[in-house]
Amino acid sequence: MIMKKLFIPILAACAMLSVGSCKQQKSQTGERETIDTIALAKTPVFSGDSAMRWVEAQCDFGPRVTGSQASQQCGDYLIKEFERLGLTVTEQKAELTRFDGQRLPMRNIIASLNPDNLDRLLICAHWDSRPWADQDADESKHHTPILGANDGASGVAVMLELARAIQQMPITTGIDFVCFDAEDMGAPEWAENDTVDTSDTWCLGSAYWAEQAYMNGYGARFGILLDMVGGKGTYFAKEGVSMYFARPVNDILWQLAKQLGYGDLFQDREGGQLIDDHVKVNTIARIPCIDIVPNVTTGISFGPTWHTTQDTPENIDPAVLKAVGQSVLQMIYNDAAMTAAGE
């Protein structure tokens, strides 16, 4: 059974990069030693309650299925919110083909901080919601669109709150907040065929973005994908594709989260490999990008609301949004401090 989660072959080597004052060495036995304590740069406060309001605002439009009226309205809202926060917004529009041959009007939204700075970071999430609740316990709902409070809205809400927090303590770092469309259009379980590989029916918007980024010479030193980052009871393992392509980024972020007191959510263990938007960012755009995503281990799903009609704001925890957002914010400001120091 092929769903959003799938173990896949690795295609290329990851790039080494520095985003903090730390060390990672091998012992004489060849085993990796624990990252040293990282000096924490001063950061603004990330508000989980503020991020929660942005989750609710997106869900107020209803399911943001690619090409729907709710998607159009929510997209317009997101653009206005990013612009209100002082970012420069551009759009990518294209027509893409769904697993069943249906053509879709795809819309990626790119909000850029300090767009003239060529030294850039990438923070991304998908903003569409799934057209089918194909994992719902009630089979009569398997063709019902989901609200996508966690699977879609949570990642975008964290990006908006990151942008708001950065306005309180401006930095010169170039950051692109990218909202990918058509991530969750992958073939539903009820439409799968054992003779057809449906693994490439996901992440259509990020594939398009990555192709354009590569052709236009866009580069970022590293990227962070936020996917399902607000569910109650959520914890995060180090996703396998992230560890292959961008191990230093993953290790440093997990260490920062631990030092901030979020080690219970960011667990120091490796999970499985996942088909998600970061795969195209790594393999096509060639930007080392990690995925903060819950419970990626063999035989474990992404939580009880995943691809069900229960993926609603009532099942989002502002404390989880806070933990993710503050950890990413710390990473951004540590990177800014290192850049300012010329390291």
Protein backbone atom coordinates (compact mmCIF):
# COMPACT_ATOMS: atom_id res chain seq x y z
CA MET A 1 0.00 0.00 0.00
CA ILE A 2 1.52 3.29 -1.11
CA MET A 3 0.51 6.41 0.77
CA LYS A 4 2.20 9.63 1.65
CA LYS A 5 4.86 7.75 3.57
CA LEU A 6 7.17 5.46 1.64
CA PHE A 7 10.67 4.14 1.93
CA ILE A 8 12.60 5.28 -1.17
CA PRO A 9 16.11 4.90 -2.58
CA ILE A 10 18.57 7.72 -1.90
CA LEU A 11 19.70 9.52 -5.05
CA ALA A 12 22.56 11.86 -4.12
CA ALA A 13 25.01 12.86 -1.39
CA CYS A 14 24.23 15.60 1.11
CA ALA A 15 26.15 18.84 1.42
CA MET A 16 27.94 19.83 4.61
CA LEU A 17 27.18 23.26 5.99
CA SER A 18 27.50 25.25 9.20
CA VAL A 19 24.57 26.93 10.93
CA GLY A 20 25.77 27.14 14.49
CA SER A 21 28.69 27.09 16.86
CA CYS A 22 29.01 23.35 17.31
CA LYS A 23 31.10 20.34 16.53
CA GLN A 24 30.31 16.85 15.37
CA GLN A 25 33.09 14.30 15.31
CA LYS A 26 33.58 10.58 15.00
CA SER A 27 35.05 8.52 17.76
CA GLN A 28 37.87 6.05 17.13
CA THR A 29 35.20 3.39 16.63
CA GLY A 30 33.65 5.40 13.81
CA GLU A 31 30.46 6.19 15.72
CA ARG A 32 29.11 9.74 15.68
CA GLU A 33 29.48 11.55 18.96
CA THR A 34 26.87 13.90 20.38
CA ILE A 35 26.91 17.47 19.10
CA ASP A 36 28.49 19.85 21.59
CA THR A 37 26.33 22.44 23.28
CA ILE A 38 25.47 25.26 20.89
CA ALA A 39 25.67 28.90 21.95
CA LEU A 40 22.15 30.29 21.65
CA ALA A 41 21.75 33.60 19.84
CA LYS A 42 19.17 36.06 21.13
CA THR A 43 15.81 35.54 19.42
CA PRO A 44 12.33 37.04 19.50
CA VAL A 45 9.51 35.06 21.08
CA PHE A 46 7.46 32.73 18.91
CA SER A 47 3.80 32.72 19.98
CA GLY A 48 2.00 29.40 19.73
CA ASP A 49 -1.29 31.16 20.37
CA SER A 50 -0.70 33.53 17.46
CA ALA A 51 0.18 30.59 15.19
CA MET A 52 -2.98 28.85 16.37
CA ARG A 53 -5.07 31.79 15.20
CA TRP A 54 -3.52 31.46 11.75
CA VAL A 55 -4.43 27.75 11.73
CA GLU A 56 -8.03 28.66 12.51
CA ALA A 57 -8.09 31.46 9.93
CA GLN A 58 -7.06 29.05 7.16
CA CYS A 59 -9.57 26.43 8.25
CA ASP A 60 -12.34 29.04 8.23
CA PHE A 61 -12.16 28.91 4.43
CA GLY A 62 -12.96 25.19 4.51
CA PRO A 63 -10.92 22.46 2.79
CA ARG A 64 -8.28 24.19 0.61
CA VAL A 65 -8.32 21.57 -2.12
CA THR A 66 -6.19 22.61 -5.07
CA GLY A 67 -8.28 24.49 -7.62
CA SER A 68 -11.29 25.01 -5.32
CA GLN A 69 -12.95 28.31 -4.43
CA ALA A 70 -11.74 27.88 -0.83
CA SER A 71 -8.20 27.47 -2.13
CA GLN A 72 -8.48 30.67 -4.18
CA GLN A 73 -9.83 32.64 -1.22
CA CYS A 74 -7.31 31.28 1.26
CA GLY A 75 -4.43 31.89 -1.14
CA ASP A 76 -5.48 35.51 -1.50
CA TYR A 77 -5.63 35.78 2.29
CA LEU A 78 -2.15 34.29 2.75
CA ILE A 79 -0.68 36.73 0.24
CA LYS A 80 -2.23 39.68 2.07
CA GLU A 81 -0.97 38.41 5.43
CA PHE A 82 2.61 37.96 4.24
CA GLU A 83 2.54 41.38 2.58
CA ARG A 84 1.13 42.93 5.76
CA LEU A 85 4.15 41.48 7.57
CA GLY A 86 6.46 43.29 5.17
CA LEU A 87 7.44 40.45 2.84
CA THR A 88 7.60 40.57 -0.95
CA VAL A 89 5.19 38.02 -2.43
CA THR A 90 5.31 36.32 -5.82
CA GLU A 91 3.21 33.50 -7.22
CA GLN A 92 3.88 30.52 -9.42
CA LYS A 93 0.89 29.33 -11.42
CA ALA A 94 0.77 26.30 -13.67
CA GLU A 95 -1.55 23.54 -14.77
CA LEU A 96 -0.60 20.13 -13.41
CA THR A 97 -1.98 16.63 -13.91
CA ARG A 98 -3.48 14.64 -11.04
CA PHE A 99 -3.04 10.87 -10.67
CA ASP A 100 -6.29 10.23 -12.58
CA GLY A 101 -5.47 12.57 -15.45
CA GLN A 102 -7.47 15.55 -14.20
CA ARG A 103 -5.78 18.88 -14.86
CA LEU A 104 -5.27 21.17 -11.84
CA PRO A 105 -4.59 24.93 -11.56
CA MET A 106 -1.60 24.88 -9.22
CA ARG A 107 -0.59 27.99 -7.24
CA ASN A 108 2.64 28.21 -5.22
CA ILE A 109 3.02 31.28 -2.99
CA ILE A 110 6.52 32.64 -2.27
CA ALA A 111 7.00 35.30 0.43
CA SER A 112 10.53 36.72 0.52
CA LEU A 113 12.27 38.53 3.36
CA ASN A 114 15.18 40.76 2.32
CA PRO A 115 14.81 39.74 -1.35
CA ASP A 116 17.95 41.59 -2.43
CA ASN A 117 20.21 39.44 -0.23
CA LEU A 118 21.60 36.64 -2.41
CA ASP A 119 22.53 34.57 0.67
CA ARG A 120 19.22 32.83 1.36
CA LEU A 121 17.46 30.29 3.55
CA LEU A 122 14.34 28.33 2.61
CA ILE A 123 11.40 27.65 4.94
CA CYS A 124 8.51 25.80 3.34
CA ALA A 125 5.22 23.97 3.88
CA HIS A 126 2.28 22.86 1.76
CA TRP A 127 -0.92 24.87 2.04
CA ASP A 128 -3.41 22.64 0.24
CA SER A 129 -5.59 20.10 2.02
CA ARG A 130 -6.38 16.57 0.92
CA PRO A 131 -9.48 15.99 -1.25
CA TRP A 132 -10.21 12.60 0.32
CA ALA A 133 -10.36 11.40 3.94
CA ASP A 134 -9.14 8.00 2.79
CA GLN A 135 -7.81 7.06 6.25
CA ASP A 136 -11.04 7.85 8.11
CA ALA A 137 -12.43 5.11 10.32
CA ASP A 138 -15.81 5.76 8.70
CA GLU A 139 -15.54 4.36 5.16
CA SER A 140 -18.50 6.48 4.05
CA LYS A 141 -16.22 9.54 4.43
CA HIS A 142 -13.33 8.24 2.30
CA HIS A 143 -14.31 10.60 -0.54
CA THR A 144 -14.80 13.63 1.76
CA PRO A 145 -12.28 16.51 1.66
CA ILE A 146 -10.39 17.08 4.92
CA LEU A 147 -10.08 20.41 6.69
CA GLY A 148 -6.33 19.96 7.04
CA ALA A 149 -5.72 21.88 10.27
CA ASN A 150 -2.54 19.90 10.89
CA ASP A 151 -1.84 18.52 7.42
CA GLY A 152 -1.41 21.84 5.66
CA ALA A 153 -2.51 24.74 7.86
CA SER A 154 -0.10 24.12 10.74
CA GLY A 155 3.07 24.50 8.68
CA VAL A 156 1.84 27.68 7.00
CA ALA A 157 0.76 29.09 10.36
CA VAL A 158 4.25 28.53 11.74
CA MET A 159 5.76 30.33 8.74
CA LEU A 160 3.45 33.31 9.22
CA GLU A 161 4.33 33.52 12.91
CA LEU A 162 8.02 33.23 12.09
CA ALA A 163 7.64 36.19 9.73
CA ARG A 164 5.76 38.16 12.42
CA ALA A 165 8.38 37.39 15.08
CA ILE A 166 11.27 38.38 12.80
CA GLN A 167 9.64 41.78 12.27
CA GLN A 168 10.05 42.36 16.02
CA MET A 169 13.82 41.78 15.79
CA PRO A 170 14.86 42.42 12.18
CA ILE A 171 17.76 40.57 10.58
CA THR A 172 19.38 40.94 7.18
CA THR A 173 19.13 37.24 6.34
CA GLY A 174 17.40 36.46 3.07
CA ILE A 175 14.55 34.03 3.72
CA ASP A 176 12.03 32.59 1.30
CA PHE A 177 8.82 31.27 2.88
CA VAL A 178 7.33 29.00 0.22
CA CYS A 179 3.77 27.65 0.35
CA PHE A 180 3.61 24.60 -1.92
CA ASP A 181 0.32 23.71 -3.57
CA ALA A 182 -0.91 20.25 -4.67
CA GLU A 183 1.17 18.30 -2.16
CA ASP A 184 -1.75 16.16 -1.01
CA MET A 185 -3.15 15.13 -4.39
CA GLY A 186 -1.47 11.73 -4.22
CA ALA A 187 -3.59 8.75 -5.26
CA PRO A 188 -6.03 7.80 -2.49
CA GLU A 189 -5.94 4.34 -1.02
CA TRP A 190 -9.23 3.40 -2.65
CA ALA A 191 -7.80 4.26 -6.10
CA GLU A 192 -4.47 2.47 -5.78
CA ASN A 193 -3.52 -0.34 -8.08
CA ASP A 194 -0.84 -2.87 -7.17
CA THR A 195 0.37 -2.85 -10.77
CA VAL A 196 0.83 0.94 -10.94
CA ASP A 197 3.42 2.95 -9.02
CA THR A 198 1.56 5.92 -7.51
CA SER A 199 4.48 7.19 -5.43
CA ASP A 200 5.12 10.06 -7.85
CA THR A 201 1.56 11.42 -7.64
CA TRP A 202 2.36 13.47 -4.53
CA CYS A 203 4.12 16.82 -4.07
CA LEU A 204 3.24 18.31 -7.45
CA GLY A 205 3.70 21.93 -6.40
CA SER A 206 7.15 21.40 -4.87
CA ALA A 207 8.27 19.49 -7.96
CA TYR A 208 7.30 22.45 -10.12
CA TRP A 209 8.97 24.92 -7.73
CA ALA A 210 12.17 22.86 -7.60
CA GLU A 211 12.37 22.64 -11.39
CA GLN A 212 11.96 26.40 -11.72
CA ALA A 213 14.48 27.04 -8.95
CA TYR A 214 17.07 24.85 -10.64
CA MET A 215 16.52 26.35 -14.10
CA ASN A 216 16.67 29.91 -12.74
CA GLY A 217 19.79 29.32 -10.65
CA TYR A 218 18.08 29.85 -7.30
CA GLY A 219 20.07 28.72 -4.30
CA ALA A 220 19.61 28.53 -0.54
CA ARG A 221 22.19 27.27 1.93
CA PHE A 222 19.64 25.02 3.58
CA GLY A 223 15.91 24.47 3.81
CA ILE A 224 13.40 23.38 6.45
CA LEU A 225 10.08 21.80 5.52
CA LEU A 226 7.24 22.00 8.06
CA ASP A 227 4.61 19.29 7.67
CA MET A 228 1.97 18.42 10.26
CA VAL A 229 3.69 20.34 13.04
CA GLY A 230 0.80 21.05 15.40
CA GLY A 231 -1.03 17.85 16.28
CA LYS A 232 -1.77 16.98 19.89
CA GLY A 233 0.61 14.35 21.19
CA THR A 234 3.01 14.89 18.29
CA TYR A 235 6.69 14.04 18.47
CA PHE A 236 9.33 14.15 15.78
CA ALA A 237 12.00 11.66 14.73
CA LYS A 238 14.87 12.51 12.36
CA GLU A 239 13.36 11.68 8.99
CA GLY A 240 15.58 9.47 6.82
CA VAL A 241 15.80 11.47 3.58
CA SER A 242 16.63 14.55 5.66
CA MET A 243 19.42 12.67 7.39
CA TYR A 244 20.92 11.56 4.10
CA PHE A 245 20.86 14.88 2.27
CA ALA A 246 21.13 17.34 5.15
CA ARG A 247 22.32 15.53 8.28
CA PRO A 248 24.15 18.58 9.73
CA VAL A 249 20.99 20.69 9.48
CA ASN A 250 18.88 18.00 11.12
CA ASP A 251 21.36 17.32 13.92
CA ILE A 252 21.79 21.00 14.73
CA LEU A 253 18.06 21.74 14.76
CA TRP A 254 17.40 18.78 17.05
CA GLN A 255 20.19 19.94 19.37
CA LEU A 256 18.79 23.47 19.48
CA ALA A 257 15.32 22.11 20.26
CA LYS A 258 16.77 20.02 23.08
CA GLN A 259 18.58 23.00 24.57
CA LEU A 260 15.36 25.02 24.40
CA GLY A 261 13.60 22.34 26.44
CA TYR A 262 11.80 20.54 23.64
CA GLY A 263 13.75 17.28 23.68
CA ASP A 264 10.58 15.33 24.46
CA LEU A 265 9.09 16.41 21.12
CA PHE A 266 12.30 16.33 19.05
CA GLN A 267 13.45 12.83 19.89
CA ASP A 268 17.06 11.91 19.20
CA ARG A 269 16.43 8.92 16.97
CA GLU A 270 16.20 8.28 13.26
CA GLY A 271 12.95 7.47 11.52
CA GLY A 272 12.00 6.19 8.10
CA GLN A 273 12.33 7.85 4.70
CA LEU A 274 9.36 9.84 3.54
CA ILE A 275 8.04 11.03 0.20
CA ASP A 276 7.35 14.69 0.96
CA ASP A 277 8.07 18.11 -0.55
CA HIS A 278 11.68 18.08 0.66
CA VAL A 279 12.56 15.21 -1.70
CA LYS A 280 12.17 17.44 -4.77
CA VAL A 281 13.95 20.31 -3.03
CA ASN A 282 16.92 18.03 -2.37
CA THR A 283 17.05 16.10 -5.63
CA ILE A 284 15.96 18.69 -8.20
CA ALA A 285 16.75 22.10 -6.67
CA ARG A 286 19.79 20.56 -4.93
CA ILE A 287 19.19 22.46 -1.70
CA PRO A 288 19.91 20.46 1.49
CA CYS A 289 16.47 20.43 3.09
CA ILE A 290 15.11 18.65 6.15
CA ASP A 291 11.55 17.66 7.00
CA ILE A 292 10.06 18.28 10.44
CA VAL A 293 7.27 15.72 10.36
CA PRO A 294 5.73 13.51 13.08
CA ASN A 295 6.22 9.85 13.89
CA VAL A 296 8.15 8.77 10.81
CA THR A 297 9.00 5.20 11.75
CA THR A 298 8.19 1.79 10.34
CA GLY A 299 4.56 0.85 10.89
CA ILE A 300 3.56 4.15 12.55
CA SER A 301 1.25 6.68 10.94
CA PHE A 302 1.37 10.46 11.22
CA GLY A 303 -1.12 10.60 14.08
CA PRO A 304 -4.81 9.70 14.61
CA THR A 305 -6.21 12.61 12.54
CA TRP A 306 -4.04 12.06 9.46
CA HIS A 307 -6.14 12.08 6.28
CA THR A 308 -9.37 11.93 8.30
CA THR A 309 -12.27 14.30 8.89
CA GLN A 310 -10.88 14.78 12.42
CA ASP A 311 -7.98 16.93 11.18
CA THR A 312 -9.57 20.04 12.71
CA PRO A 313 -8.35 22.95 14.87
CA GLU A 314 -9.67 21.22 18.00
CA ASN A 315 -6.89 18.66 17.57
CA ILE A 316 -4.07 21.23 17.27
CA ASP A 317 -1.88 22.02 20.27
CA PRO A 318 -0.46 25.57 20.42
CA ALA A 319 2.37 24.23 22.59
CA VAL A 320 3.54 21.99 19.75
CA LEU A 321 3.37 24.90 17.30
CA LYS A 322 5.43 26.90 19.81
CA ALA A 323 8.08 24.19 20.18
CA VAL A 324 8.54 23.86 16.42
CA GLY A 325 8.44 27.57 15.73
CA GLN A 326 10.82 28.59 18.50
CA SER A 327 13.32 25.90 17.47
CA VAL A 328 13.27 27.03 13.83
CA LEU A 329 13.50 30.66 14.94
CA GLN A 330 16.56 29.79 17.02
CA MET A 331 18.13 28.15 13.99
CA ILE A 332 17.50 31.26 11.88
CA TYR A 333 19.00 33.62 14.44
CA ASN A 334 21.98 31.39 15.17
CA ASP A 335 22.66 31.37 11.44
CA ALA A 336 22.31 35.16 11.30
CA ALA A 337 24.76 35.54 14.19
CA MET A 338 27.29 33.26 12.50
CA THR A 339 26.93 35.17 9.22
CA ALA A 340 27.39 38.52 10.98
CA ALA A 341 30.52 37.19 12.68
CA GLY A 342 31.91 36.07 9.31
CA GLU A 343 32.07 32.40 10.34
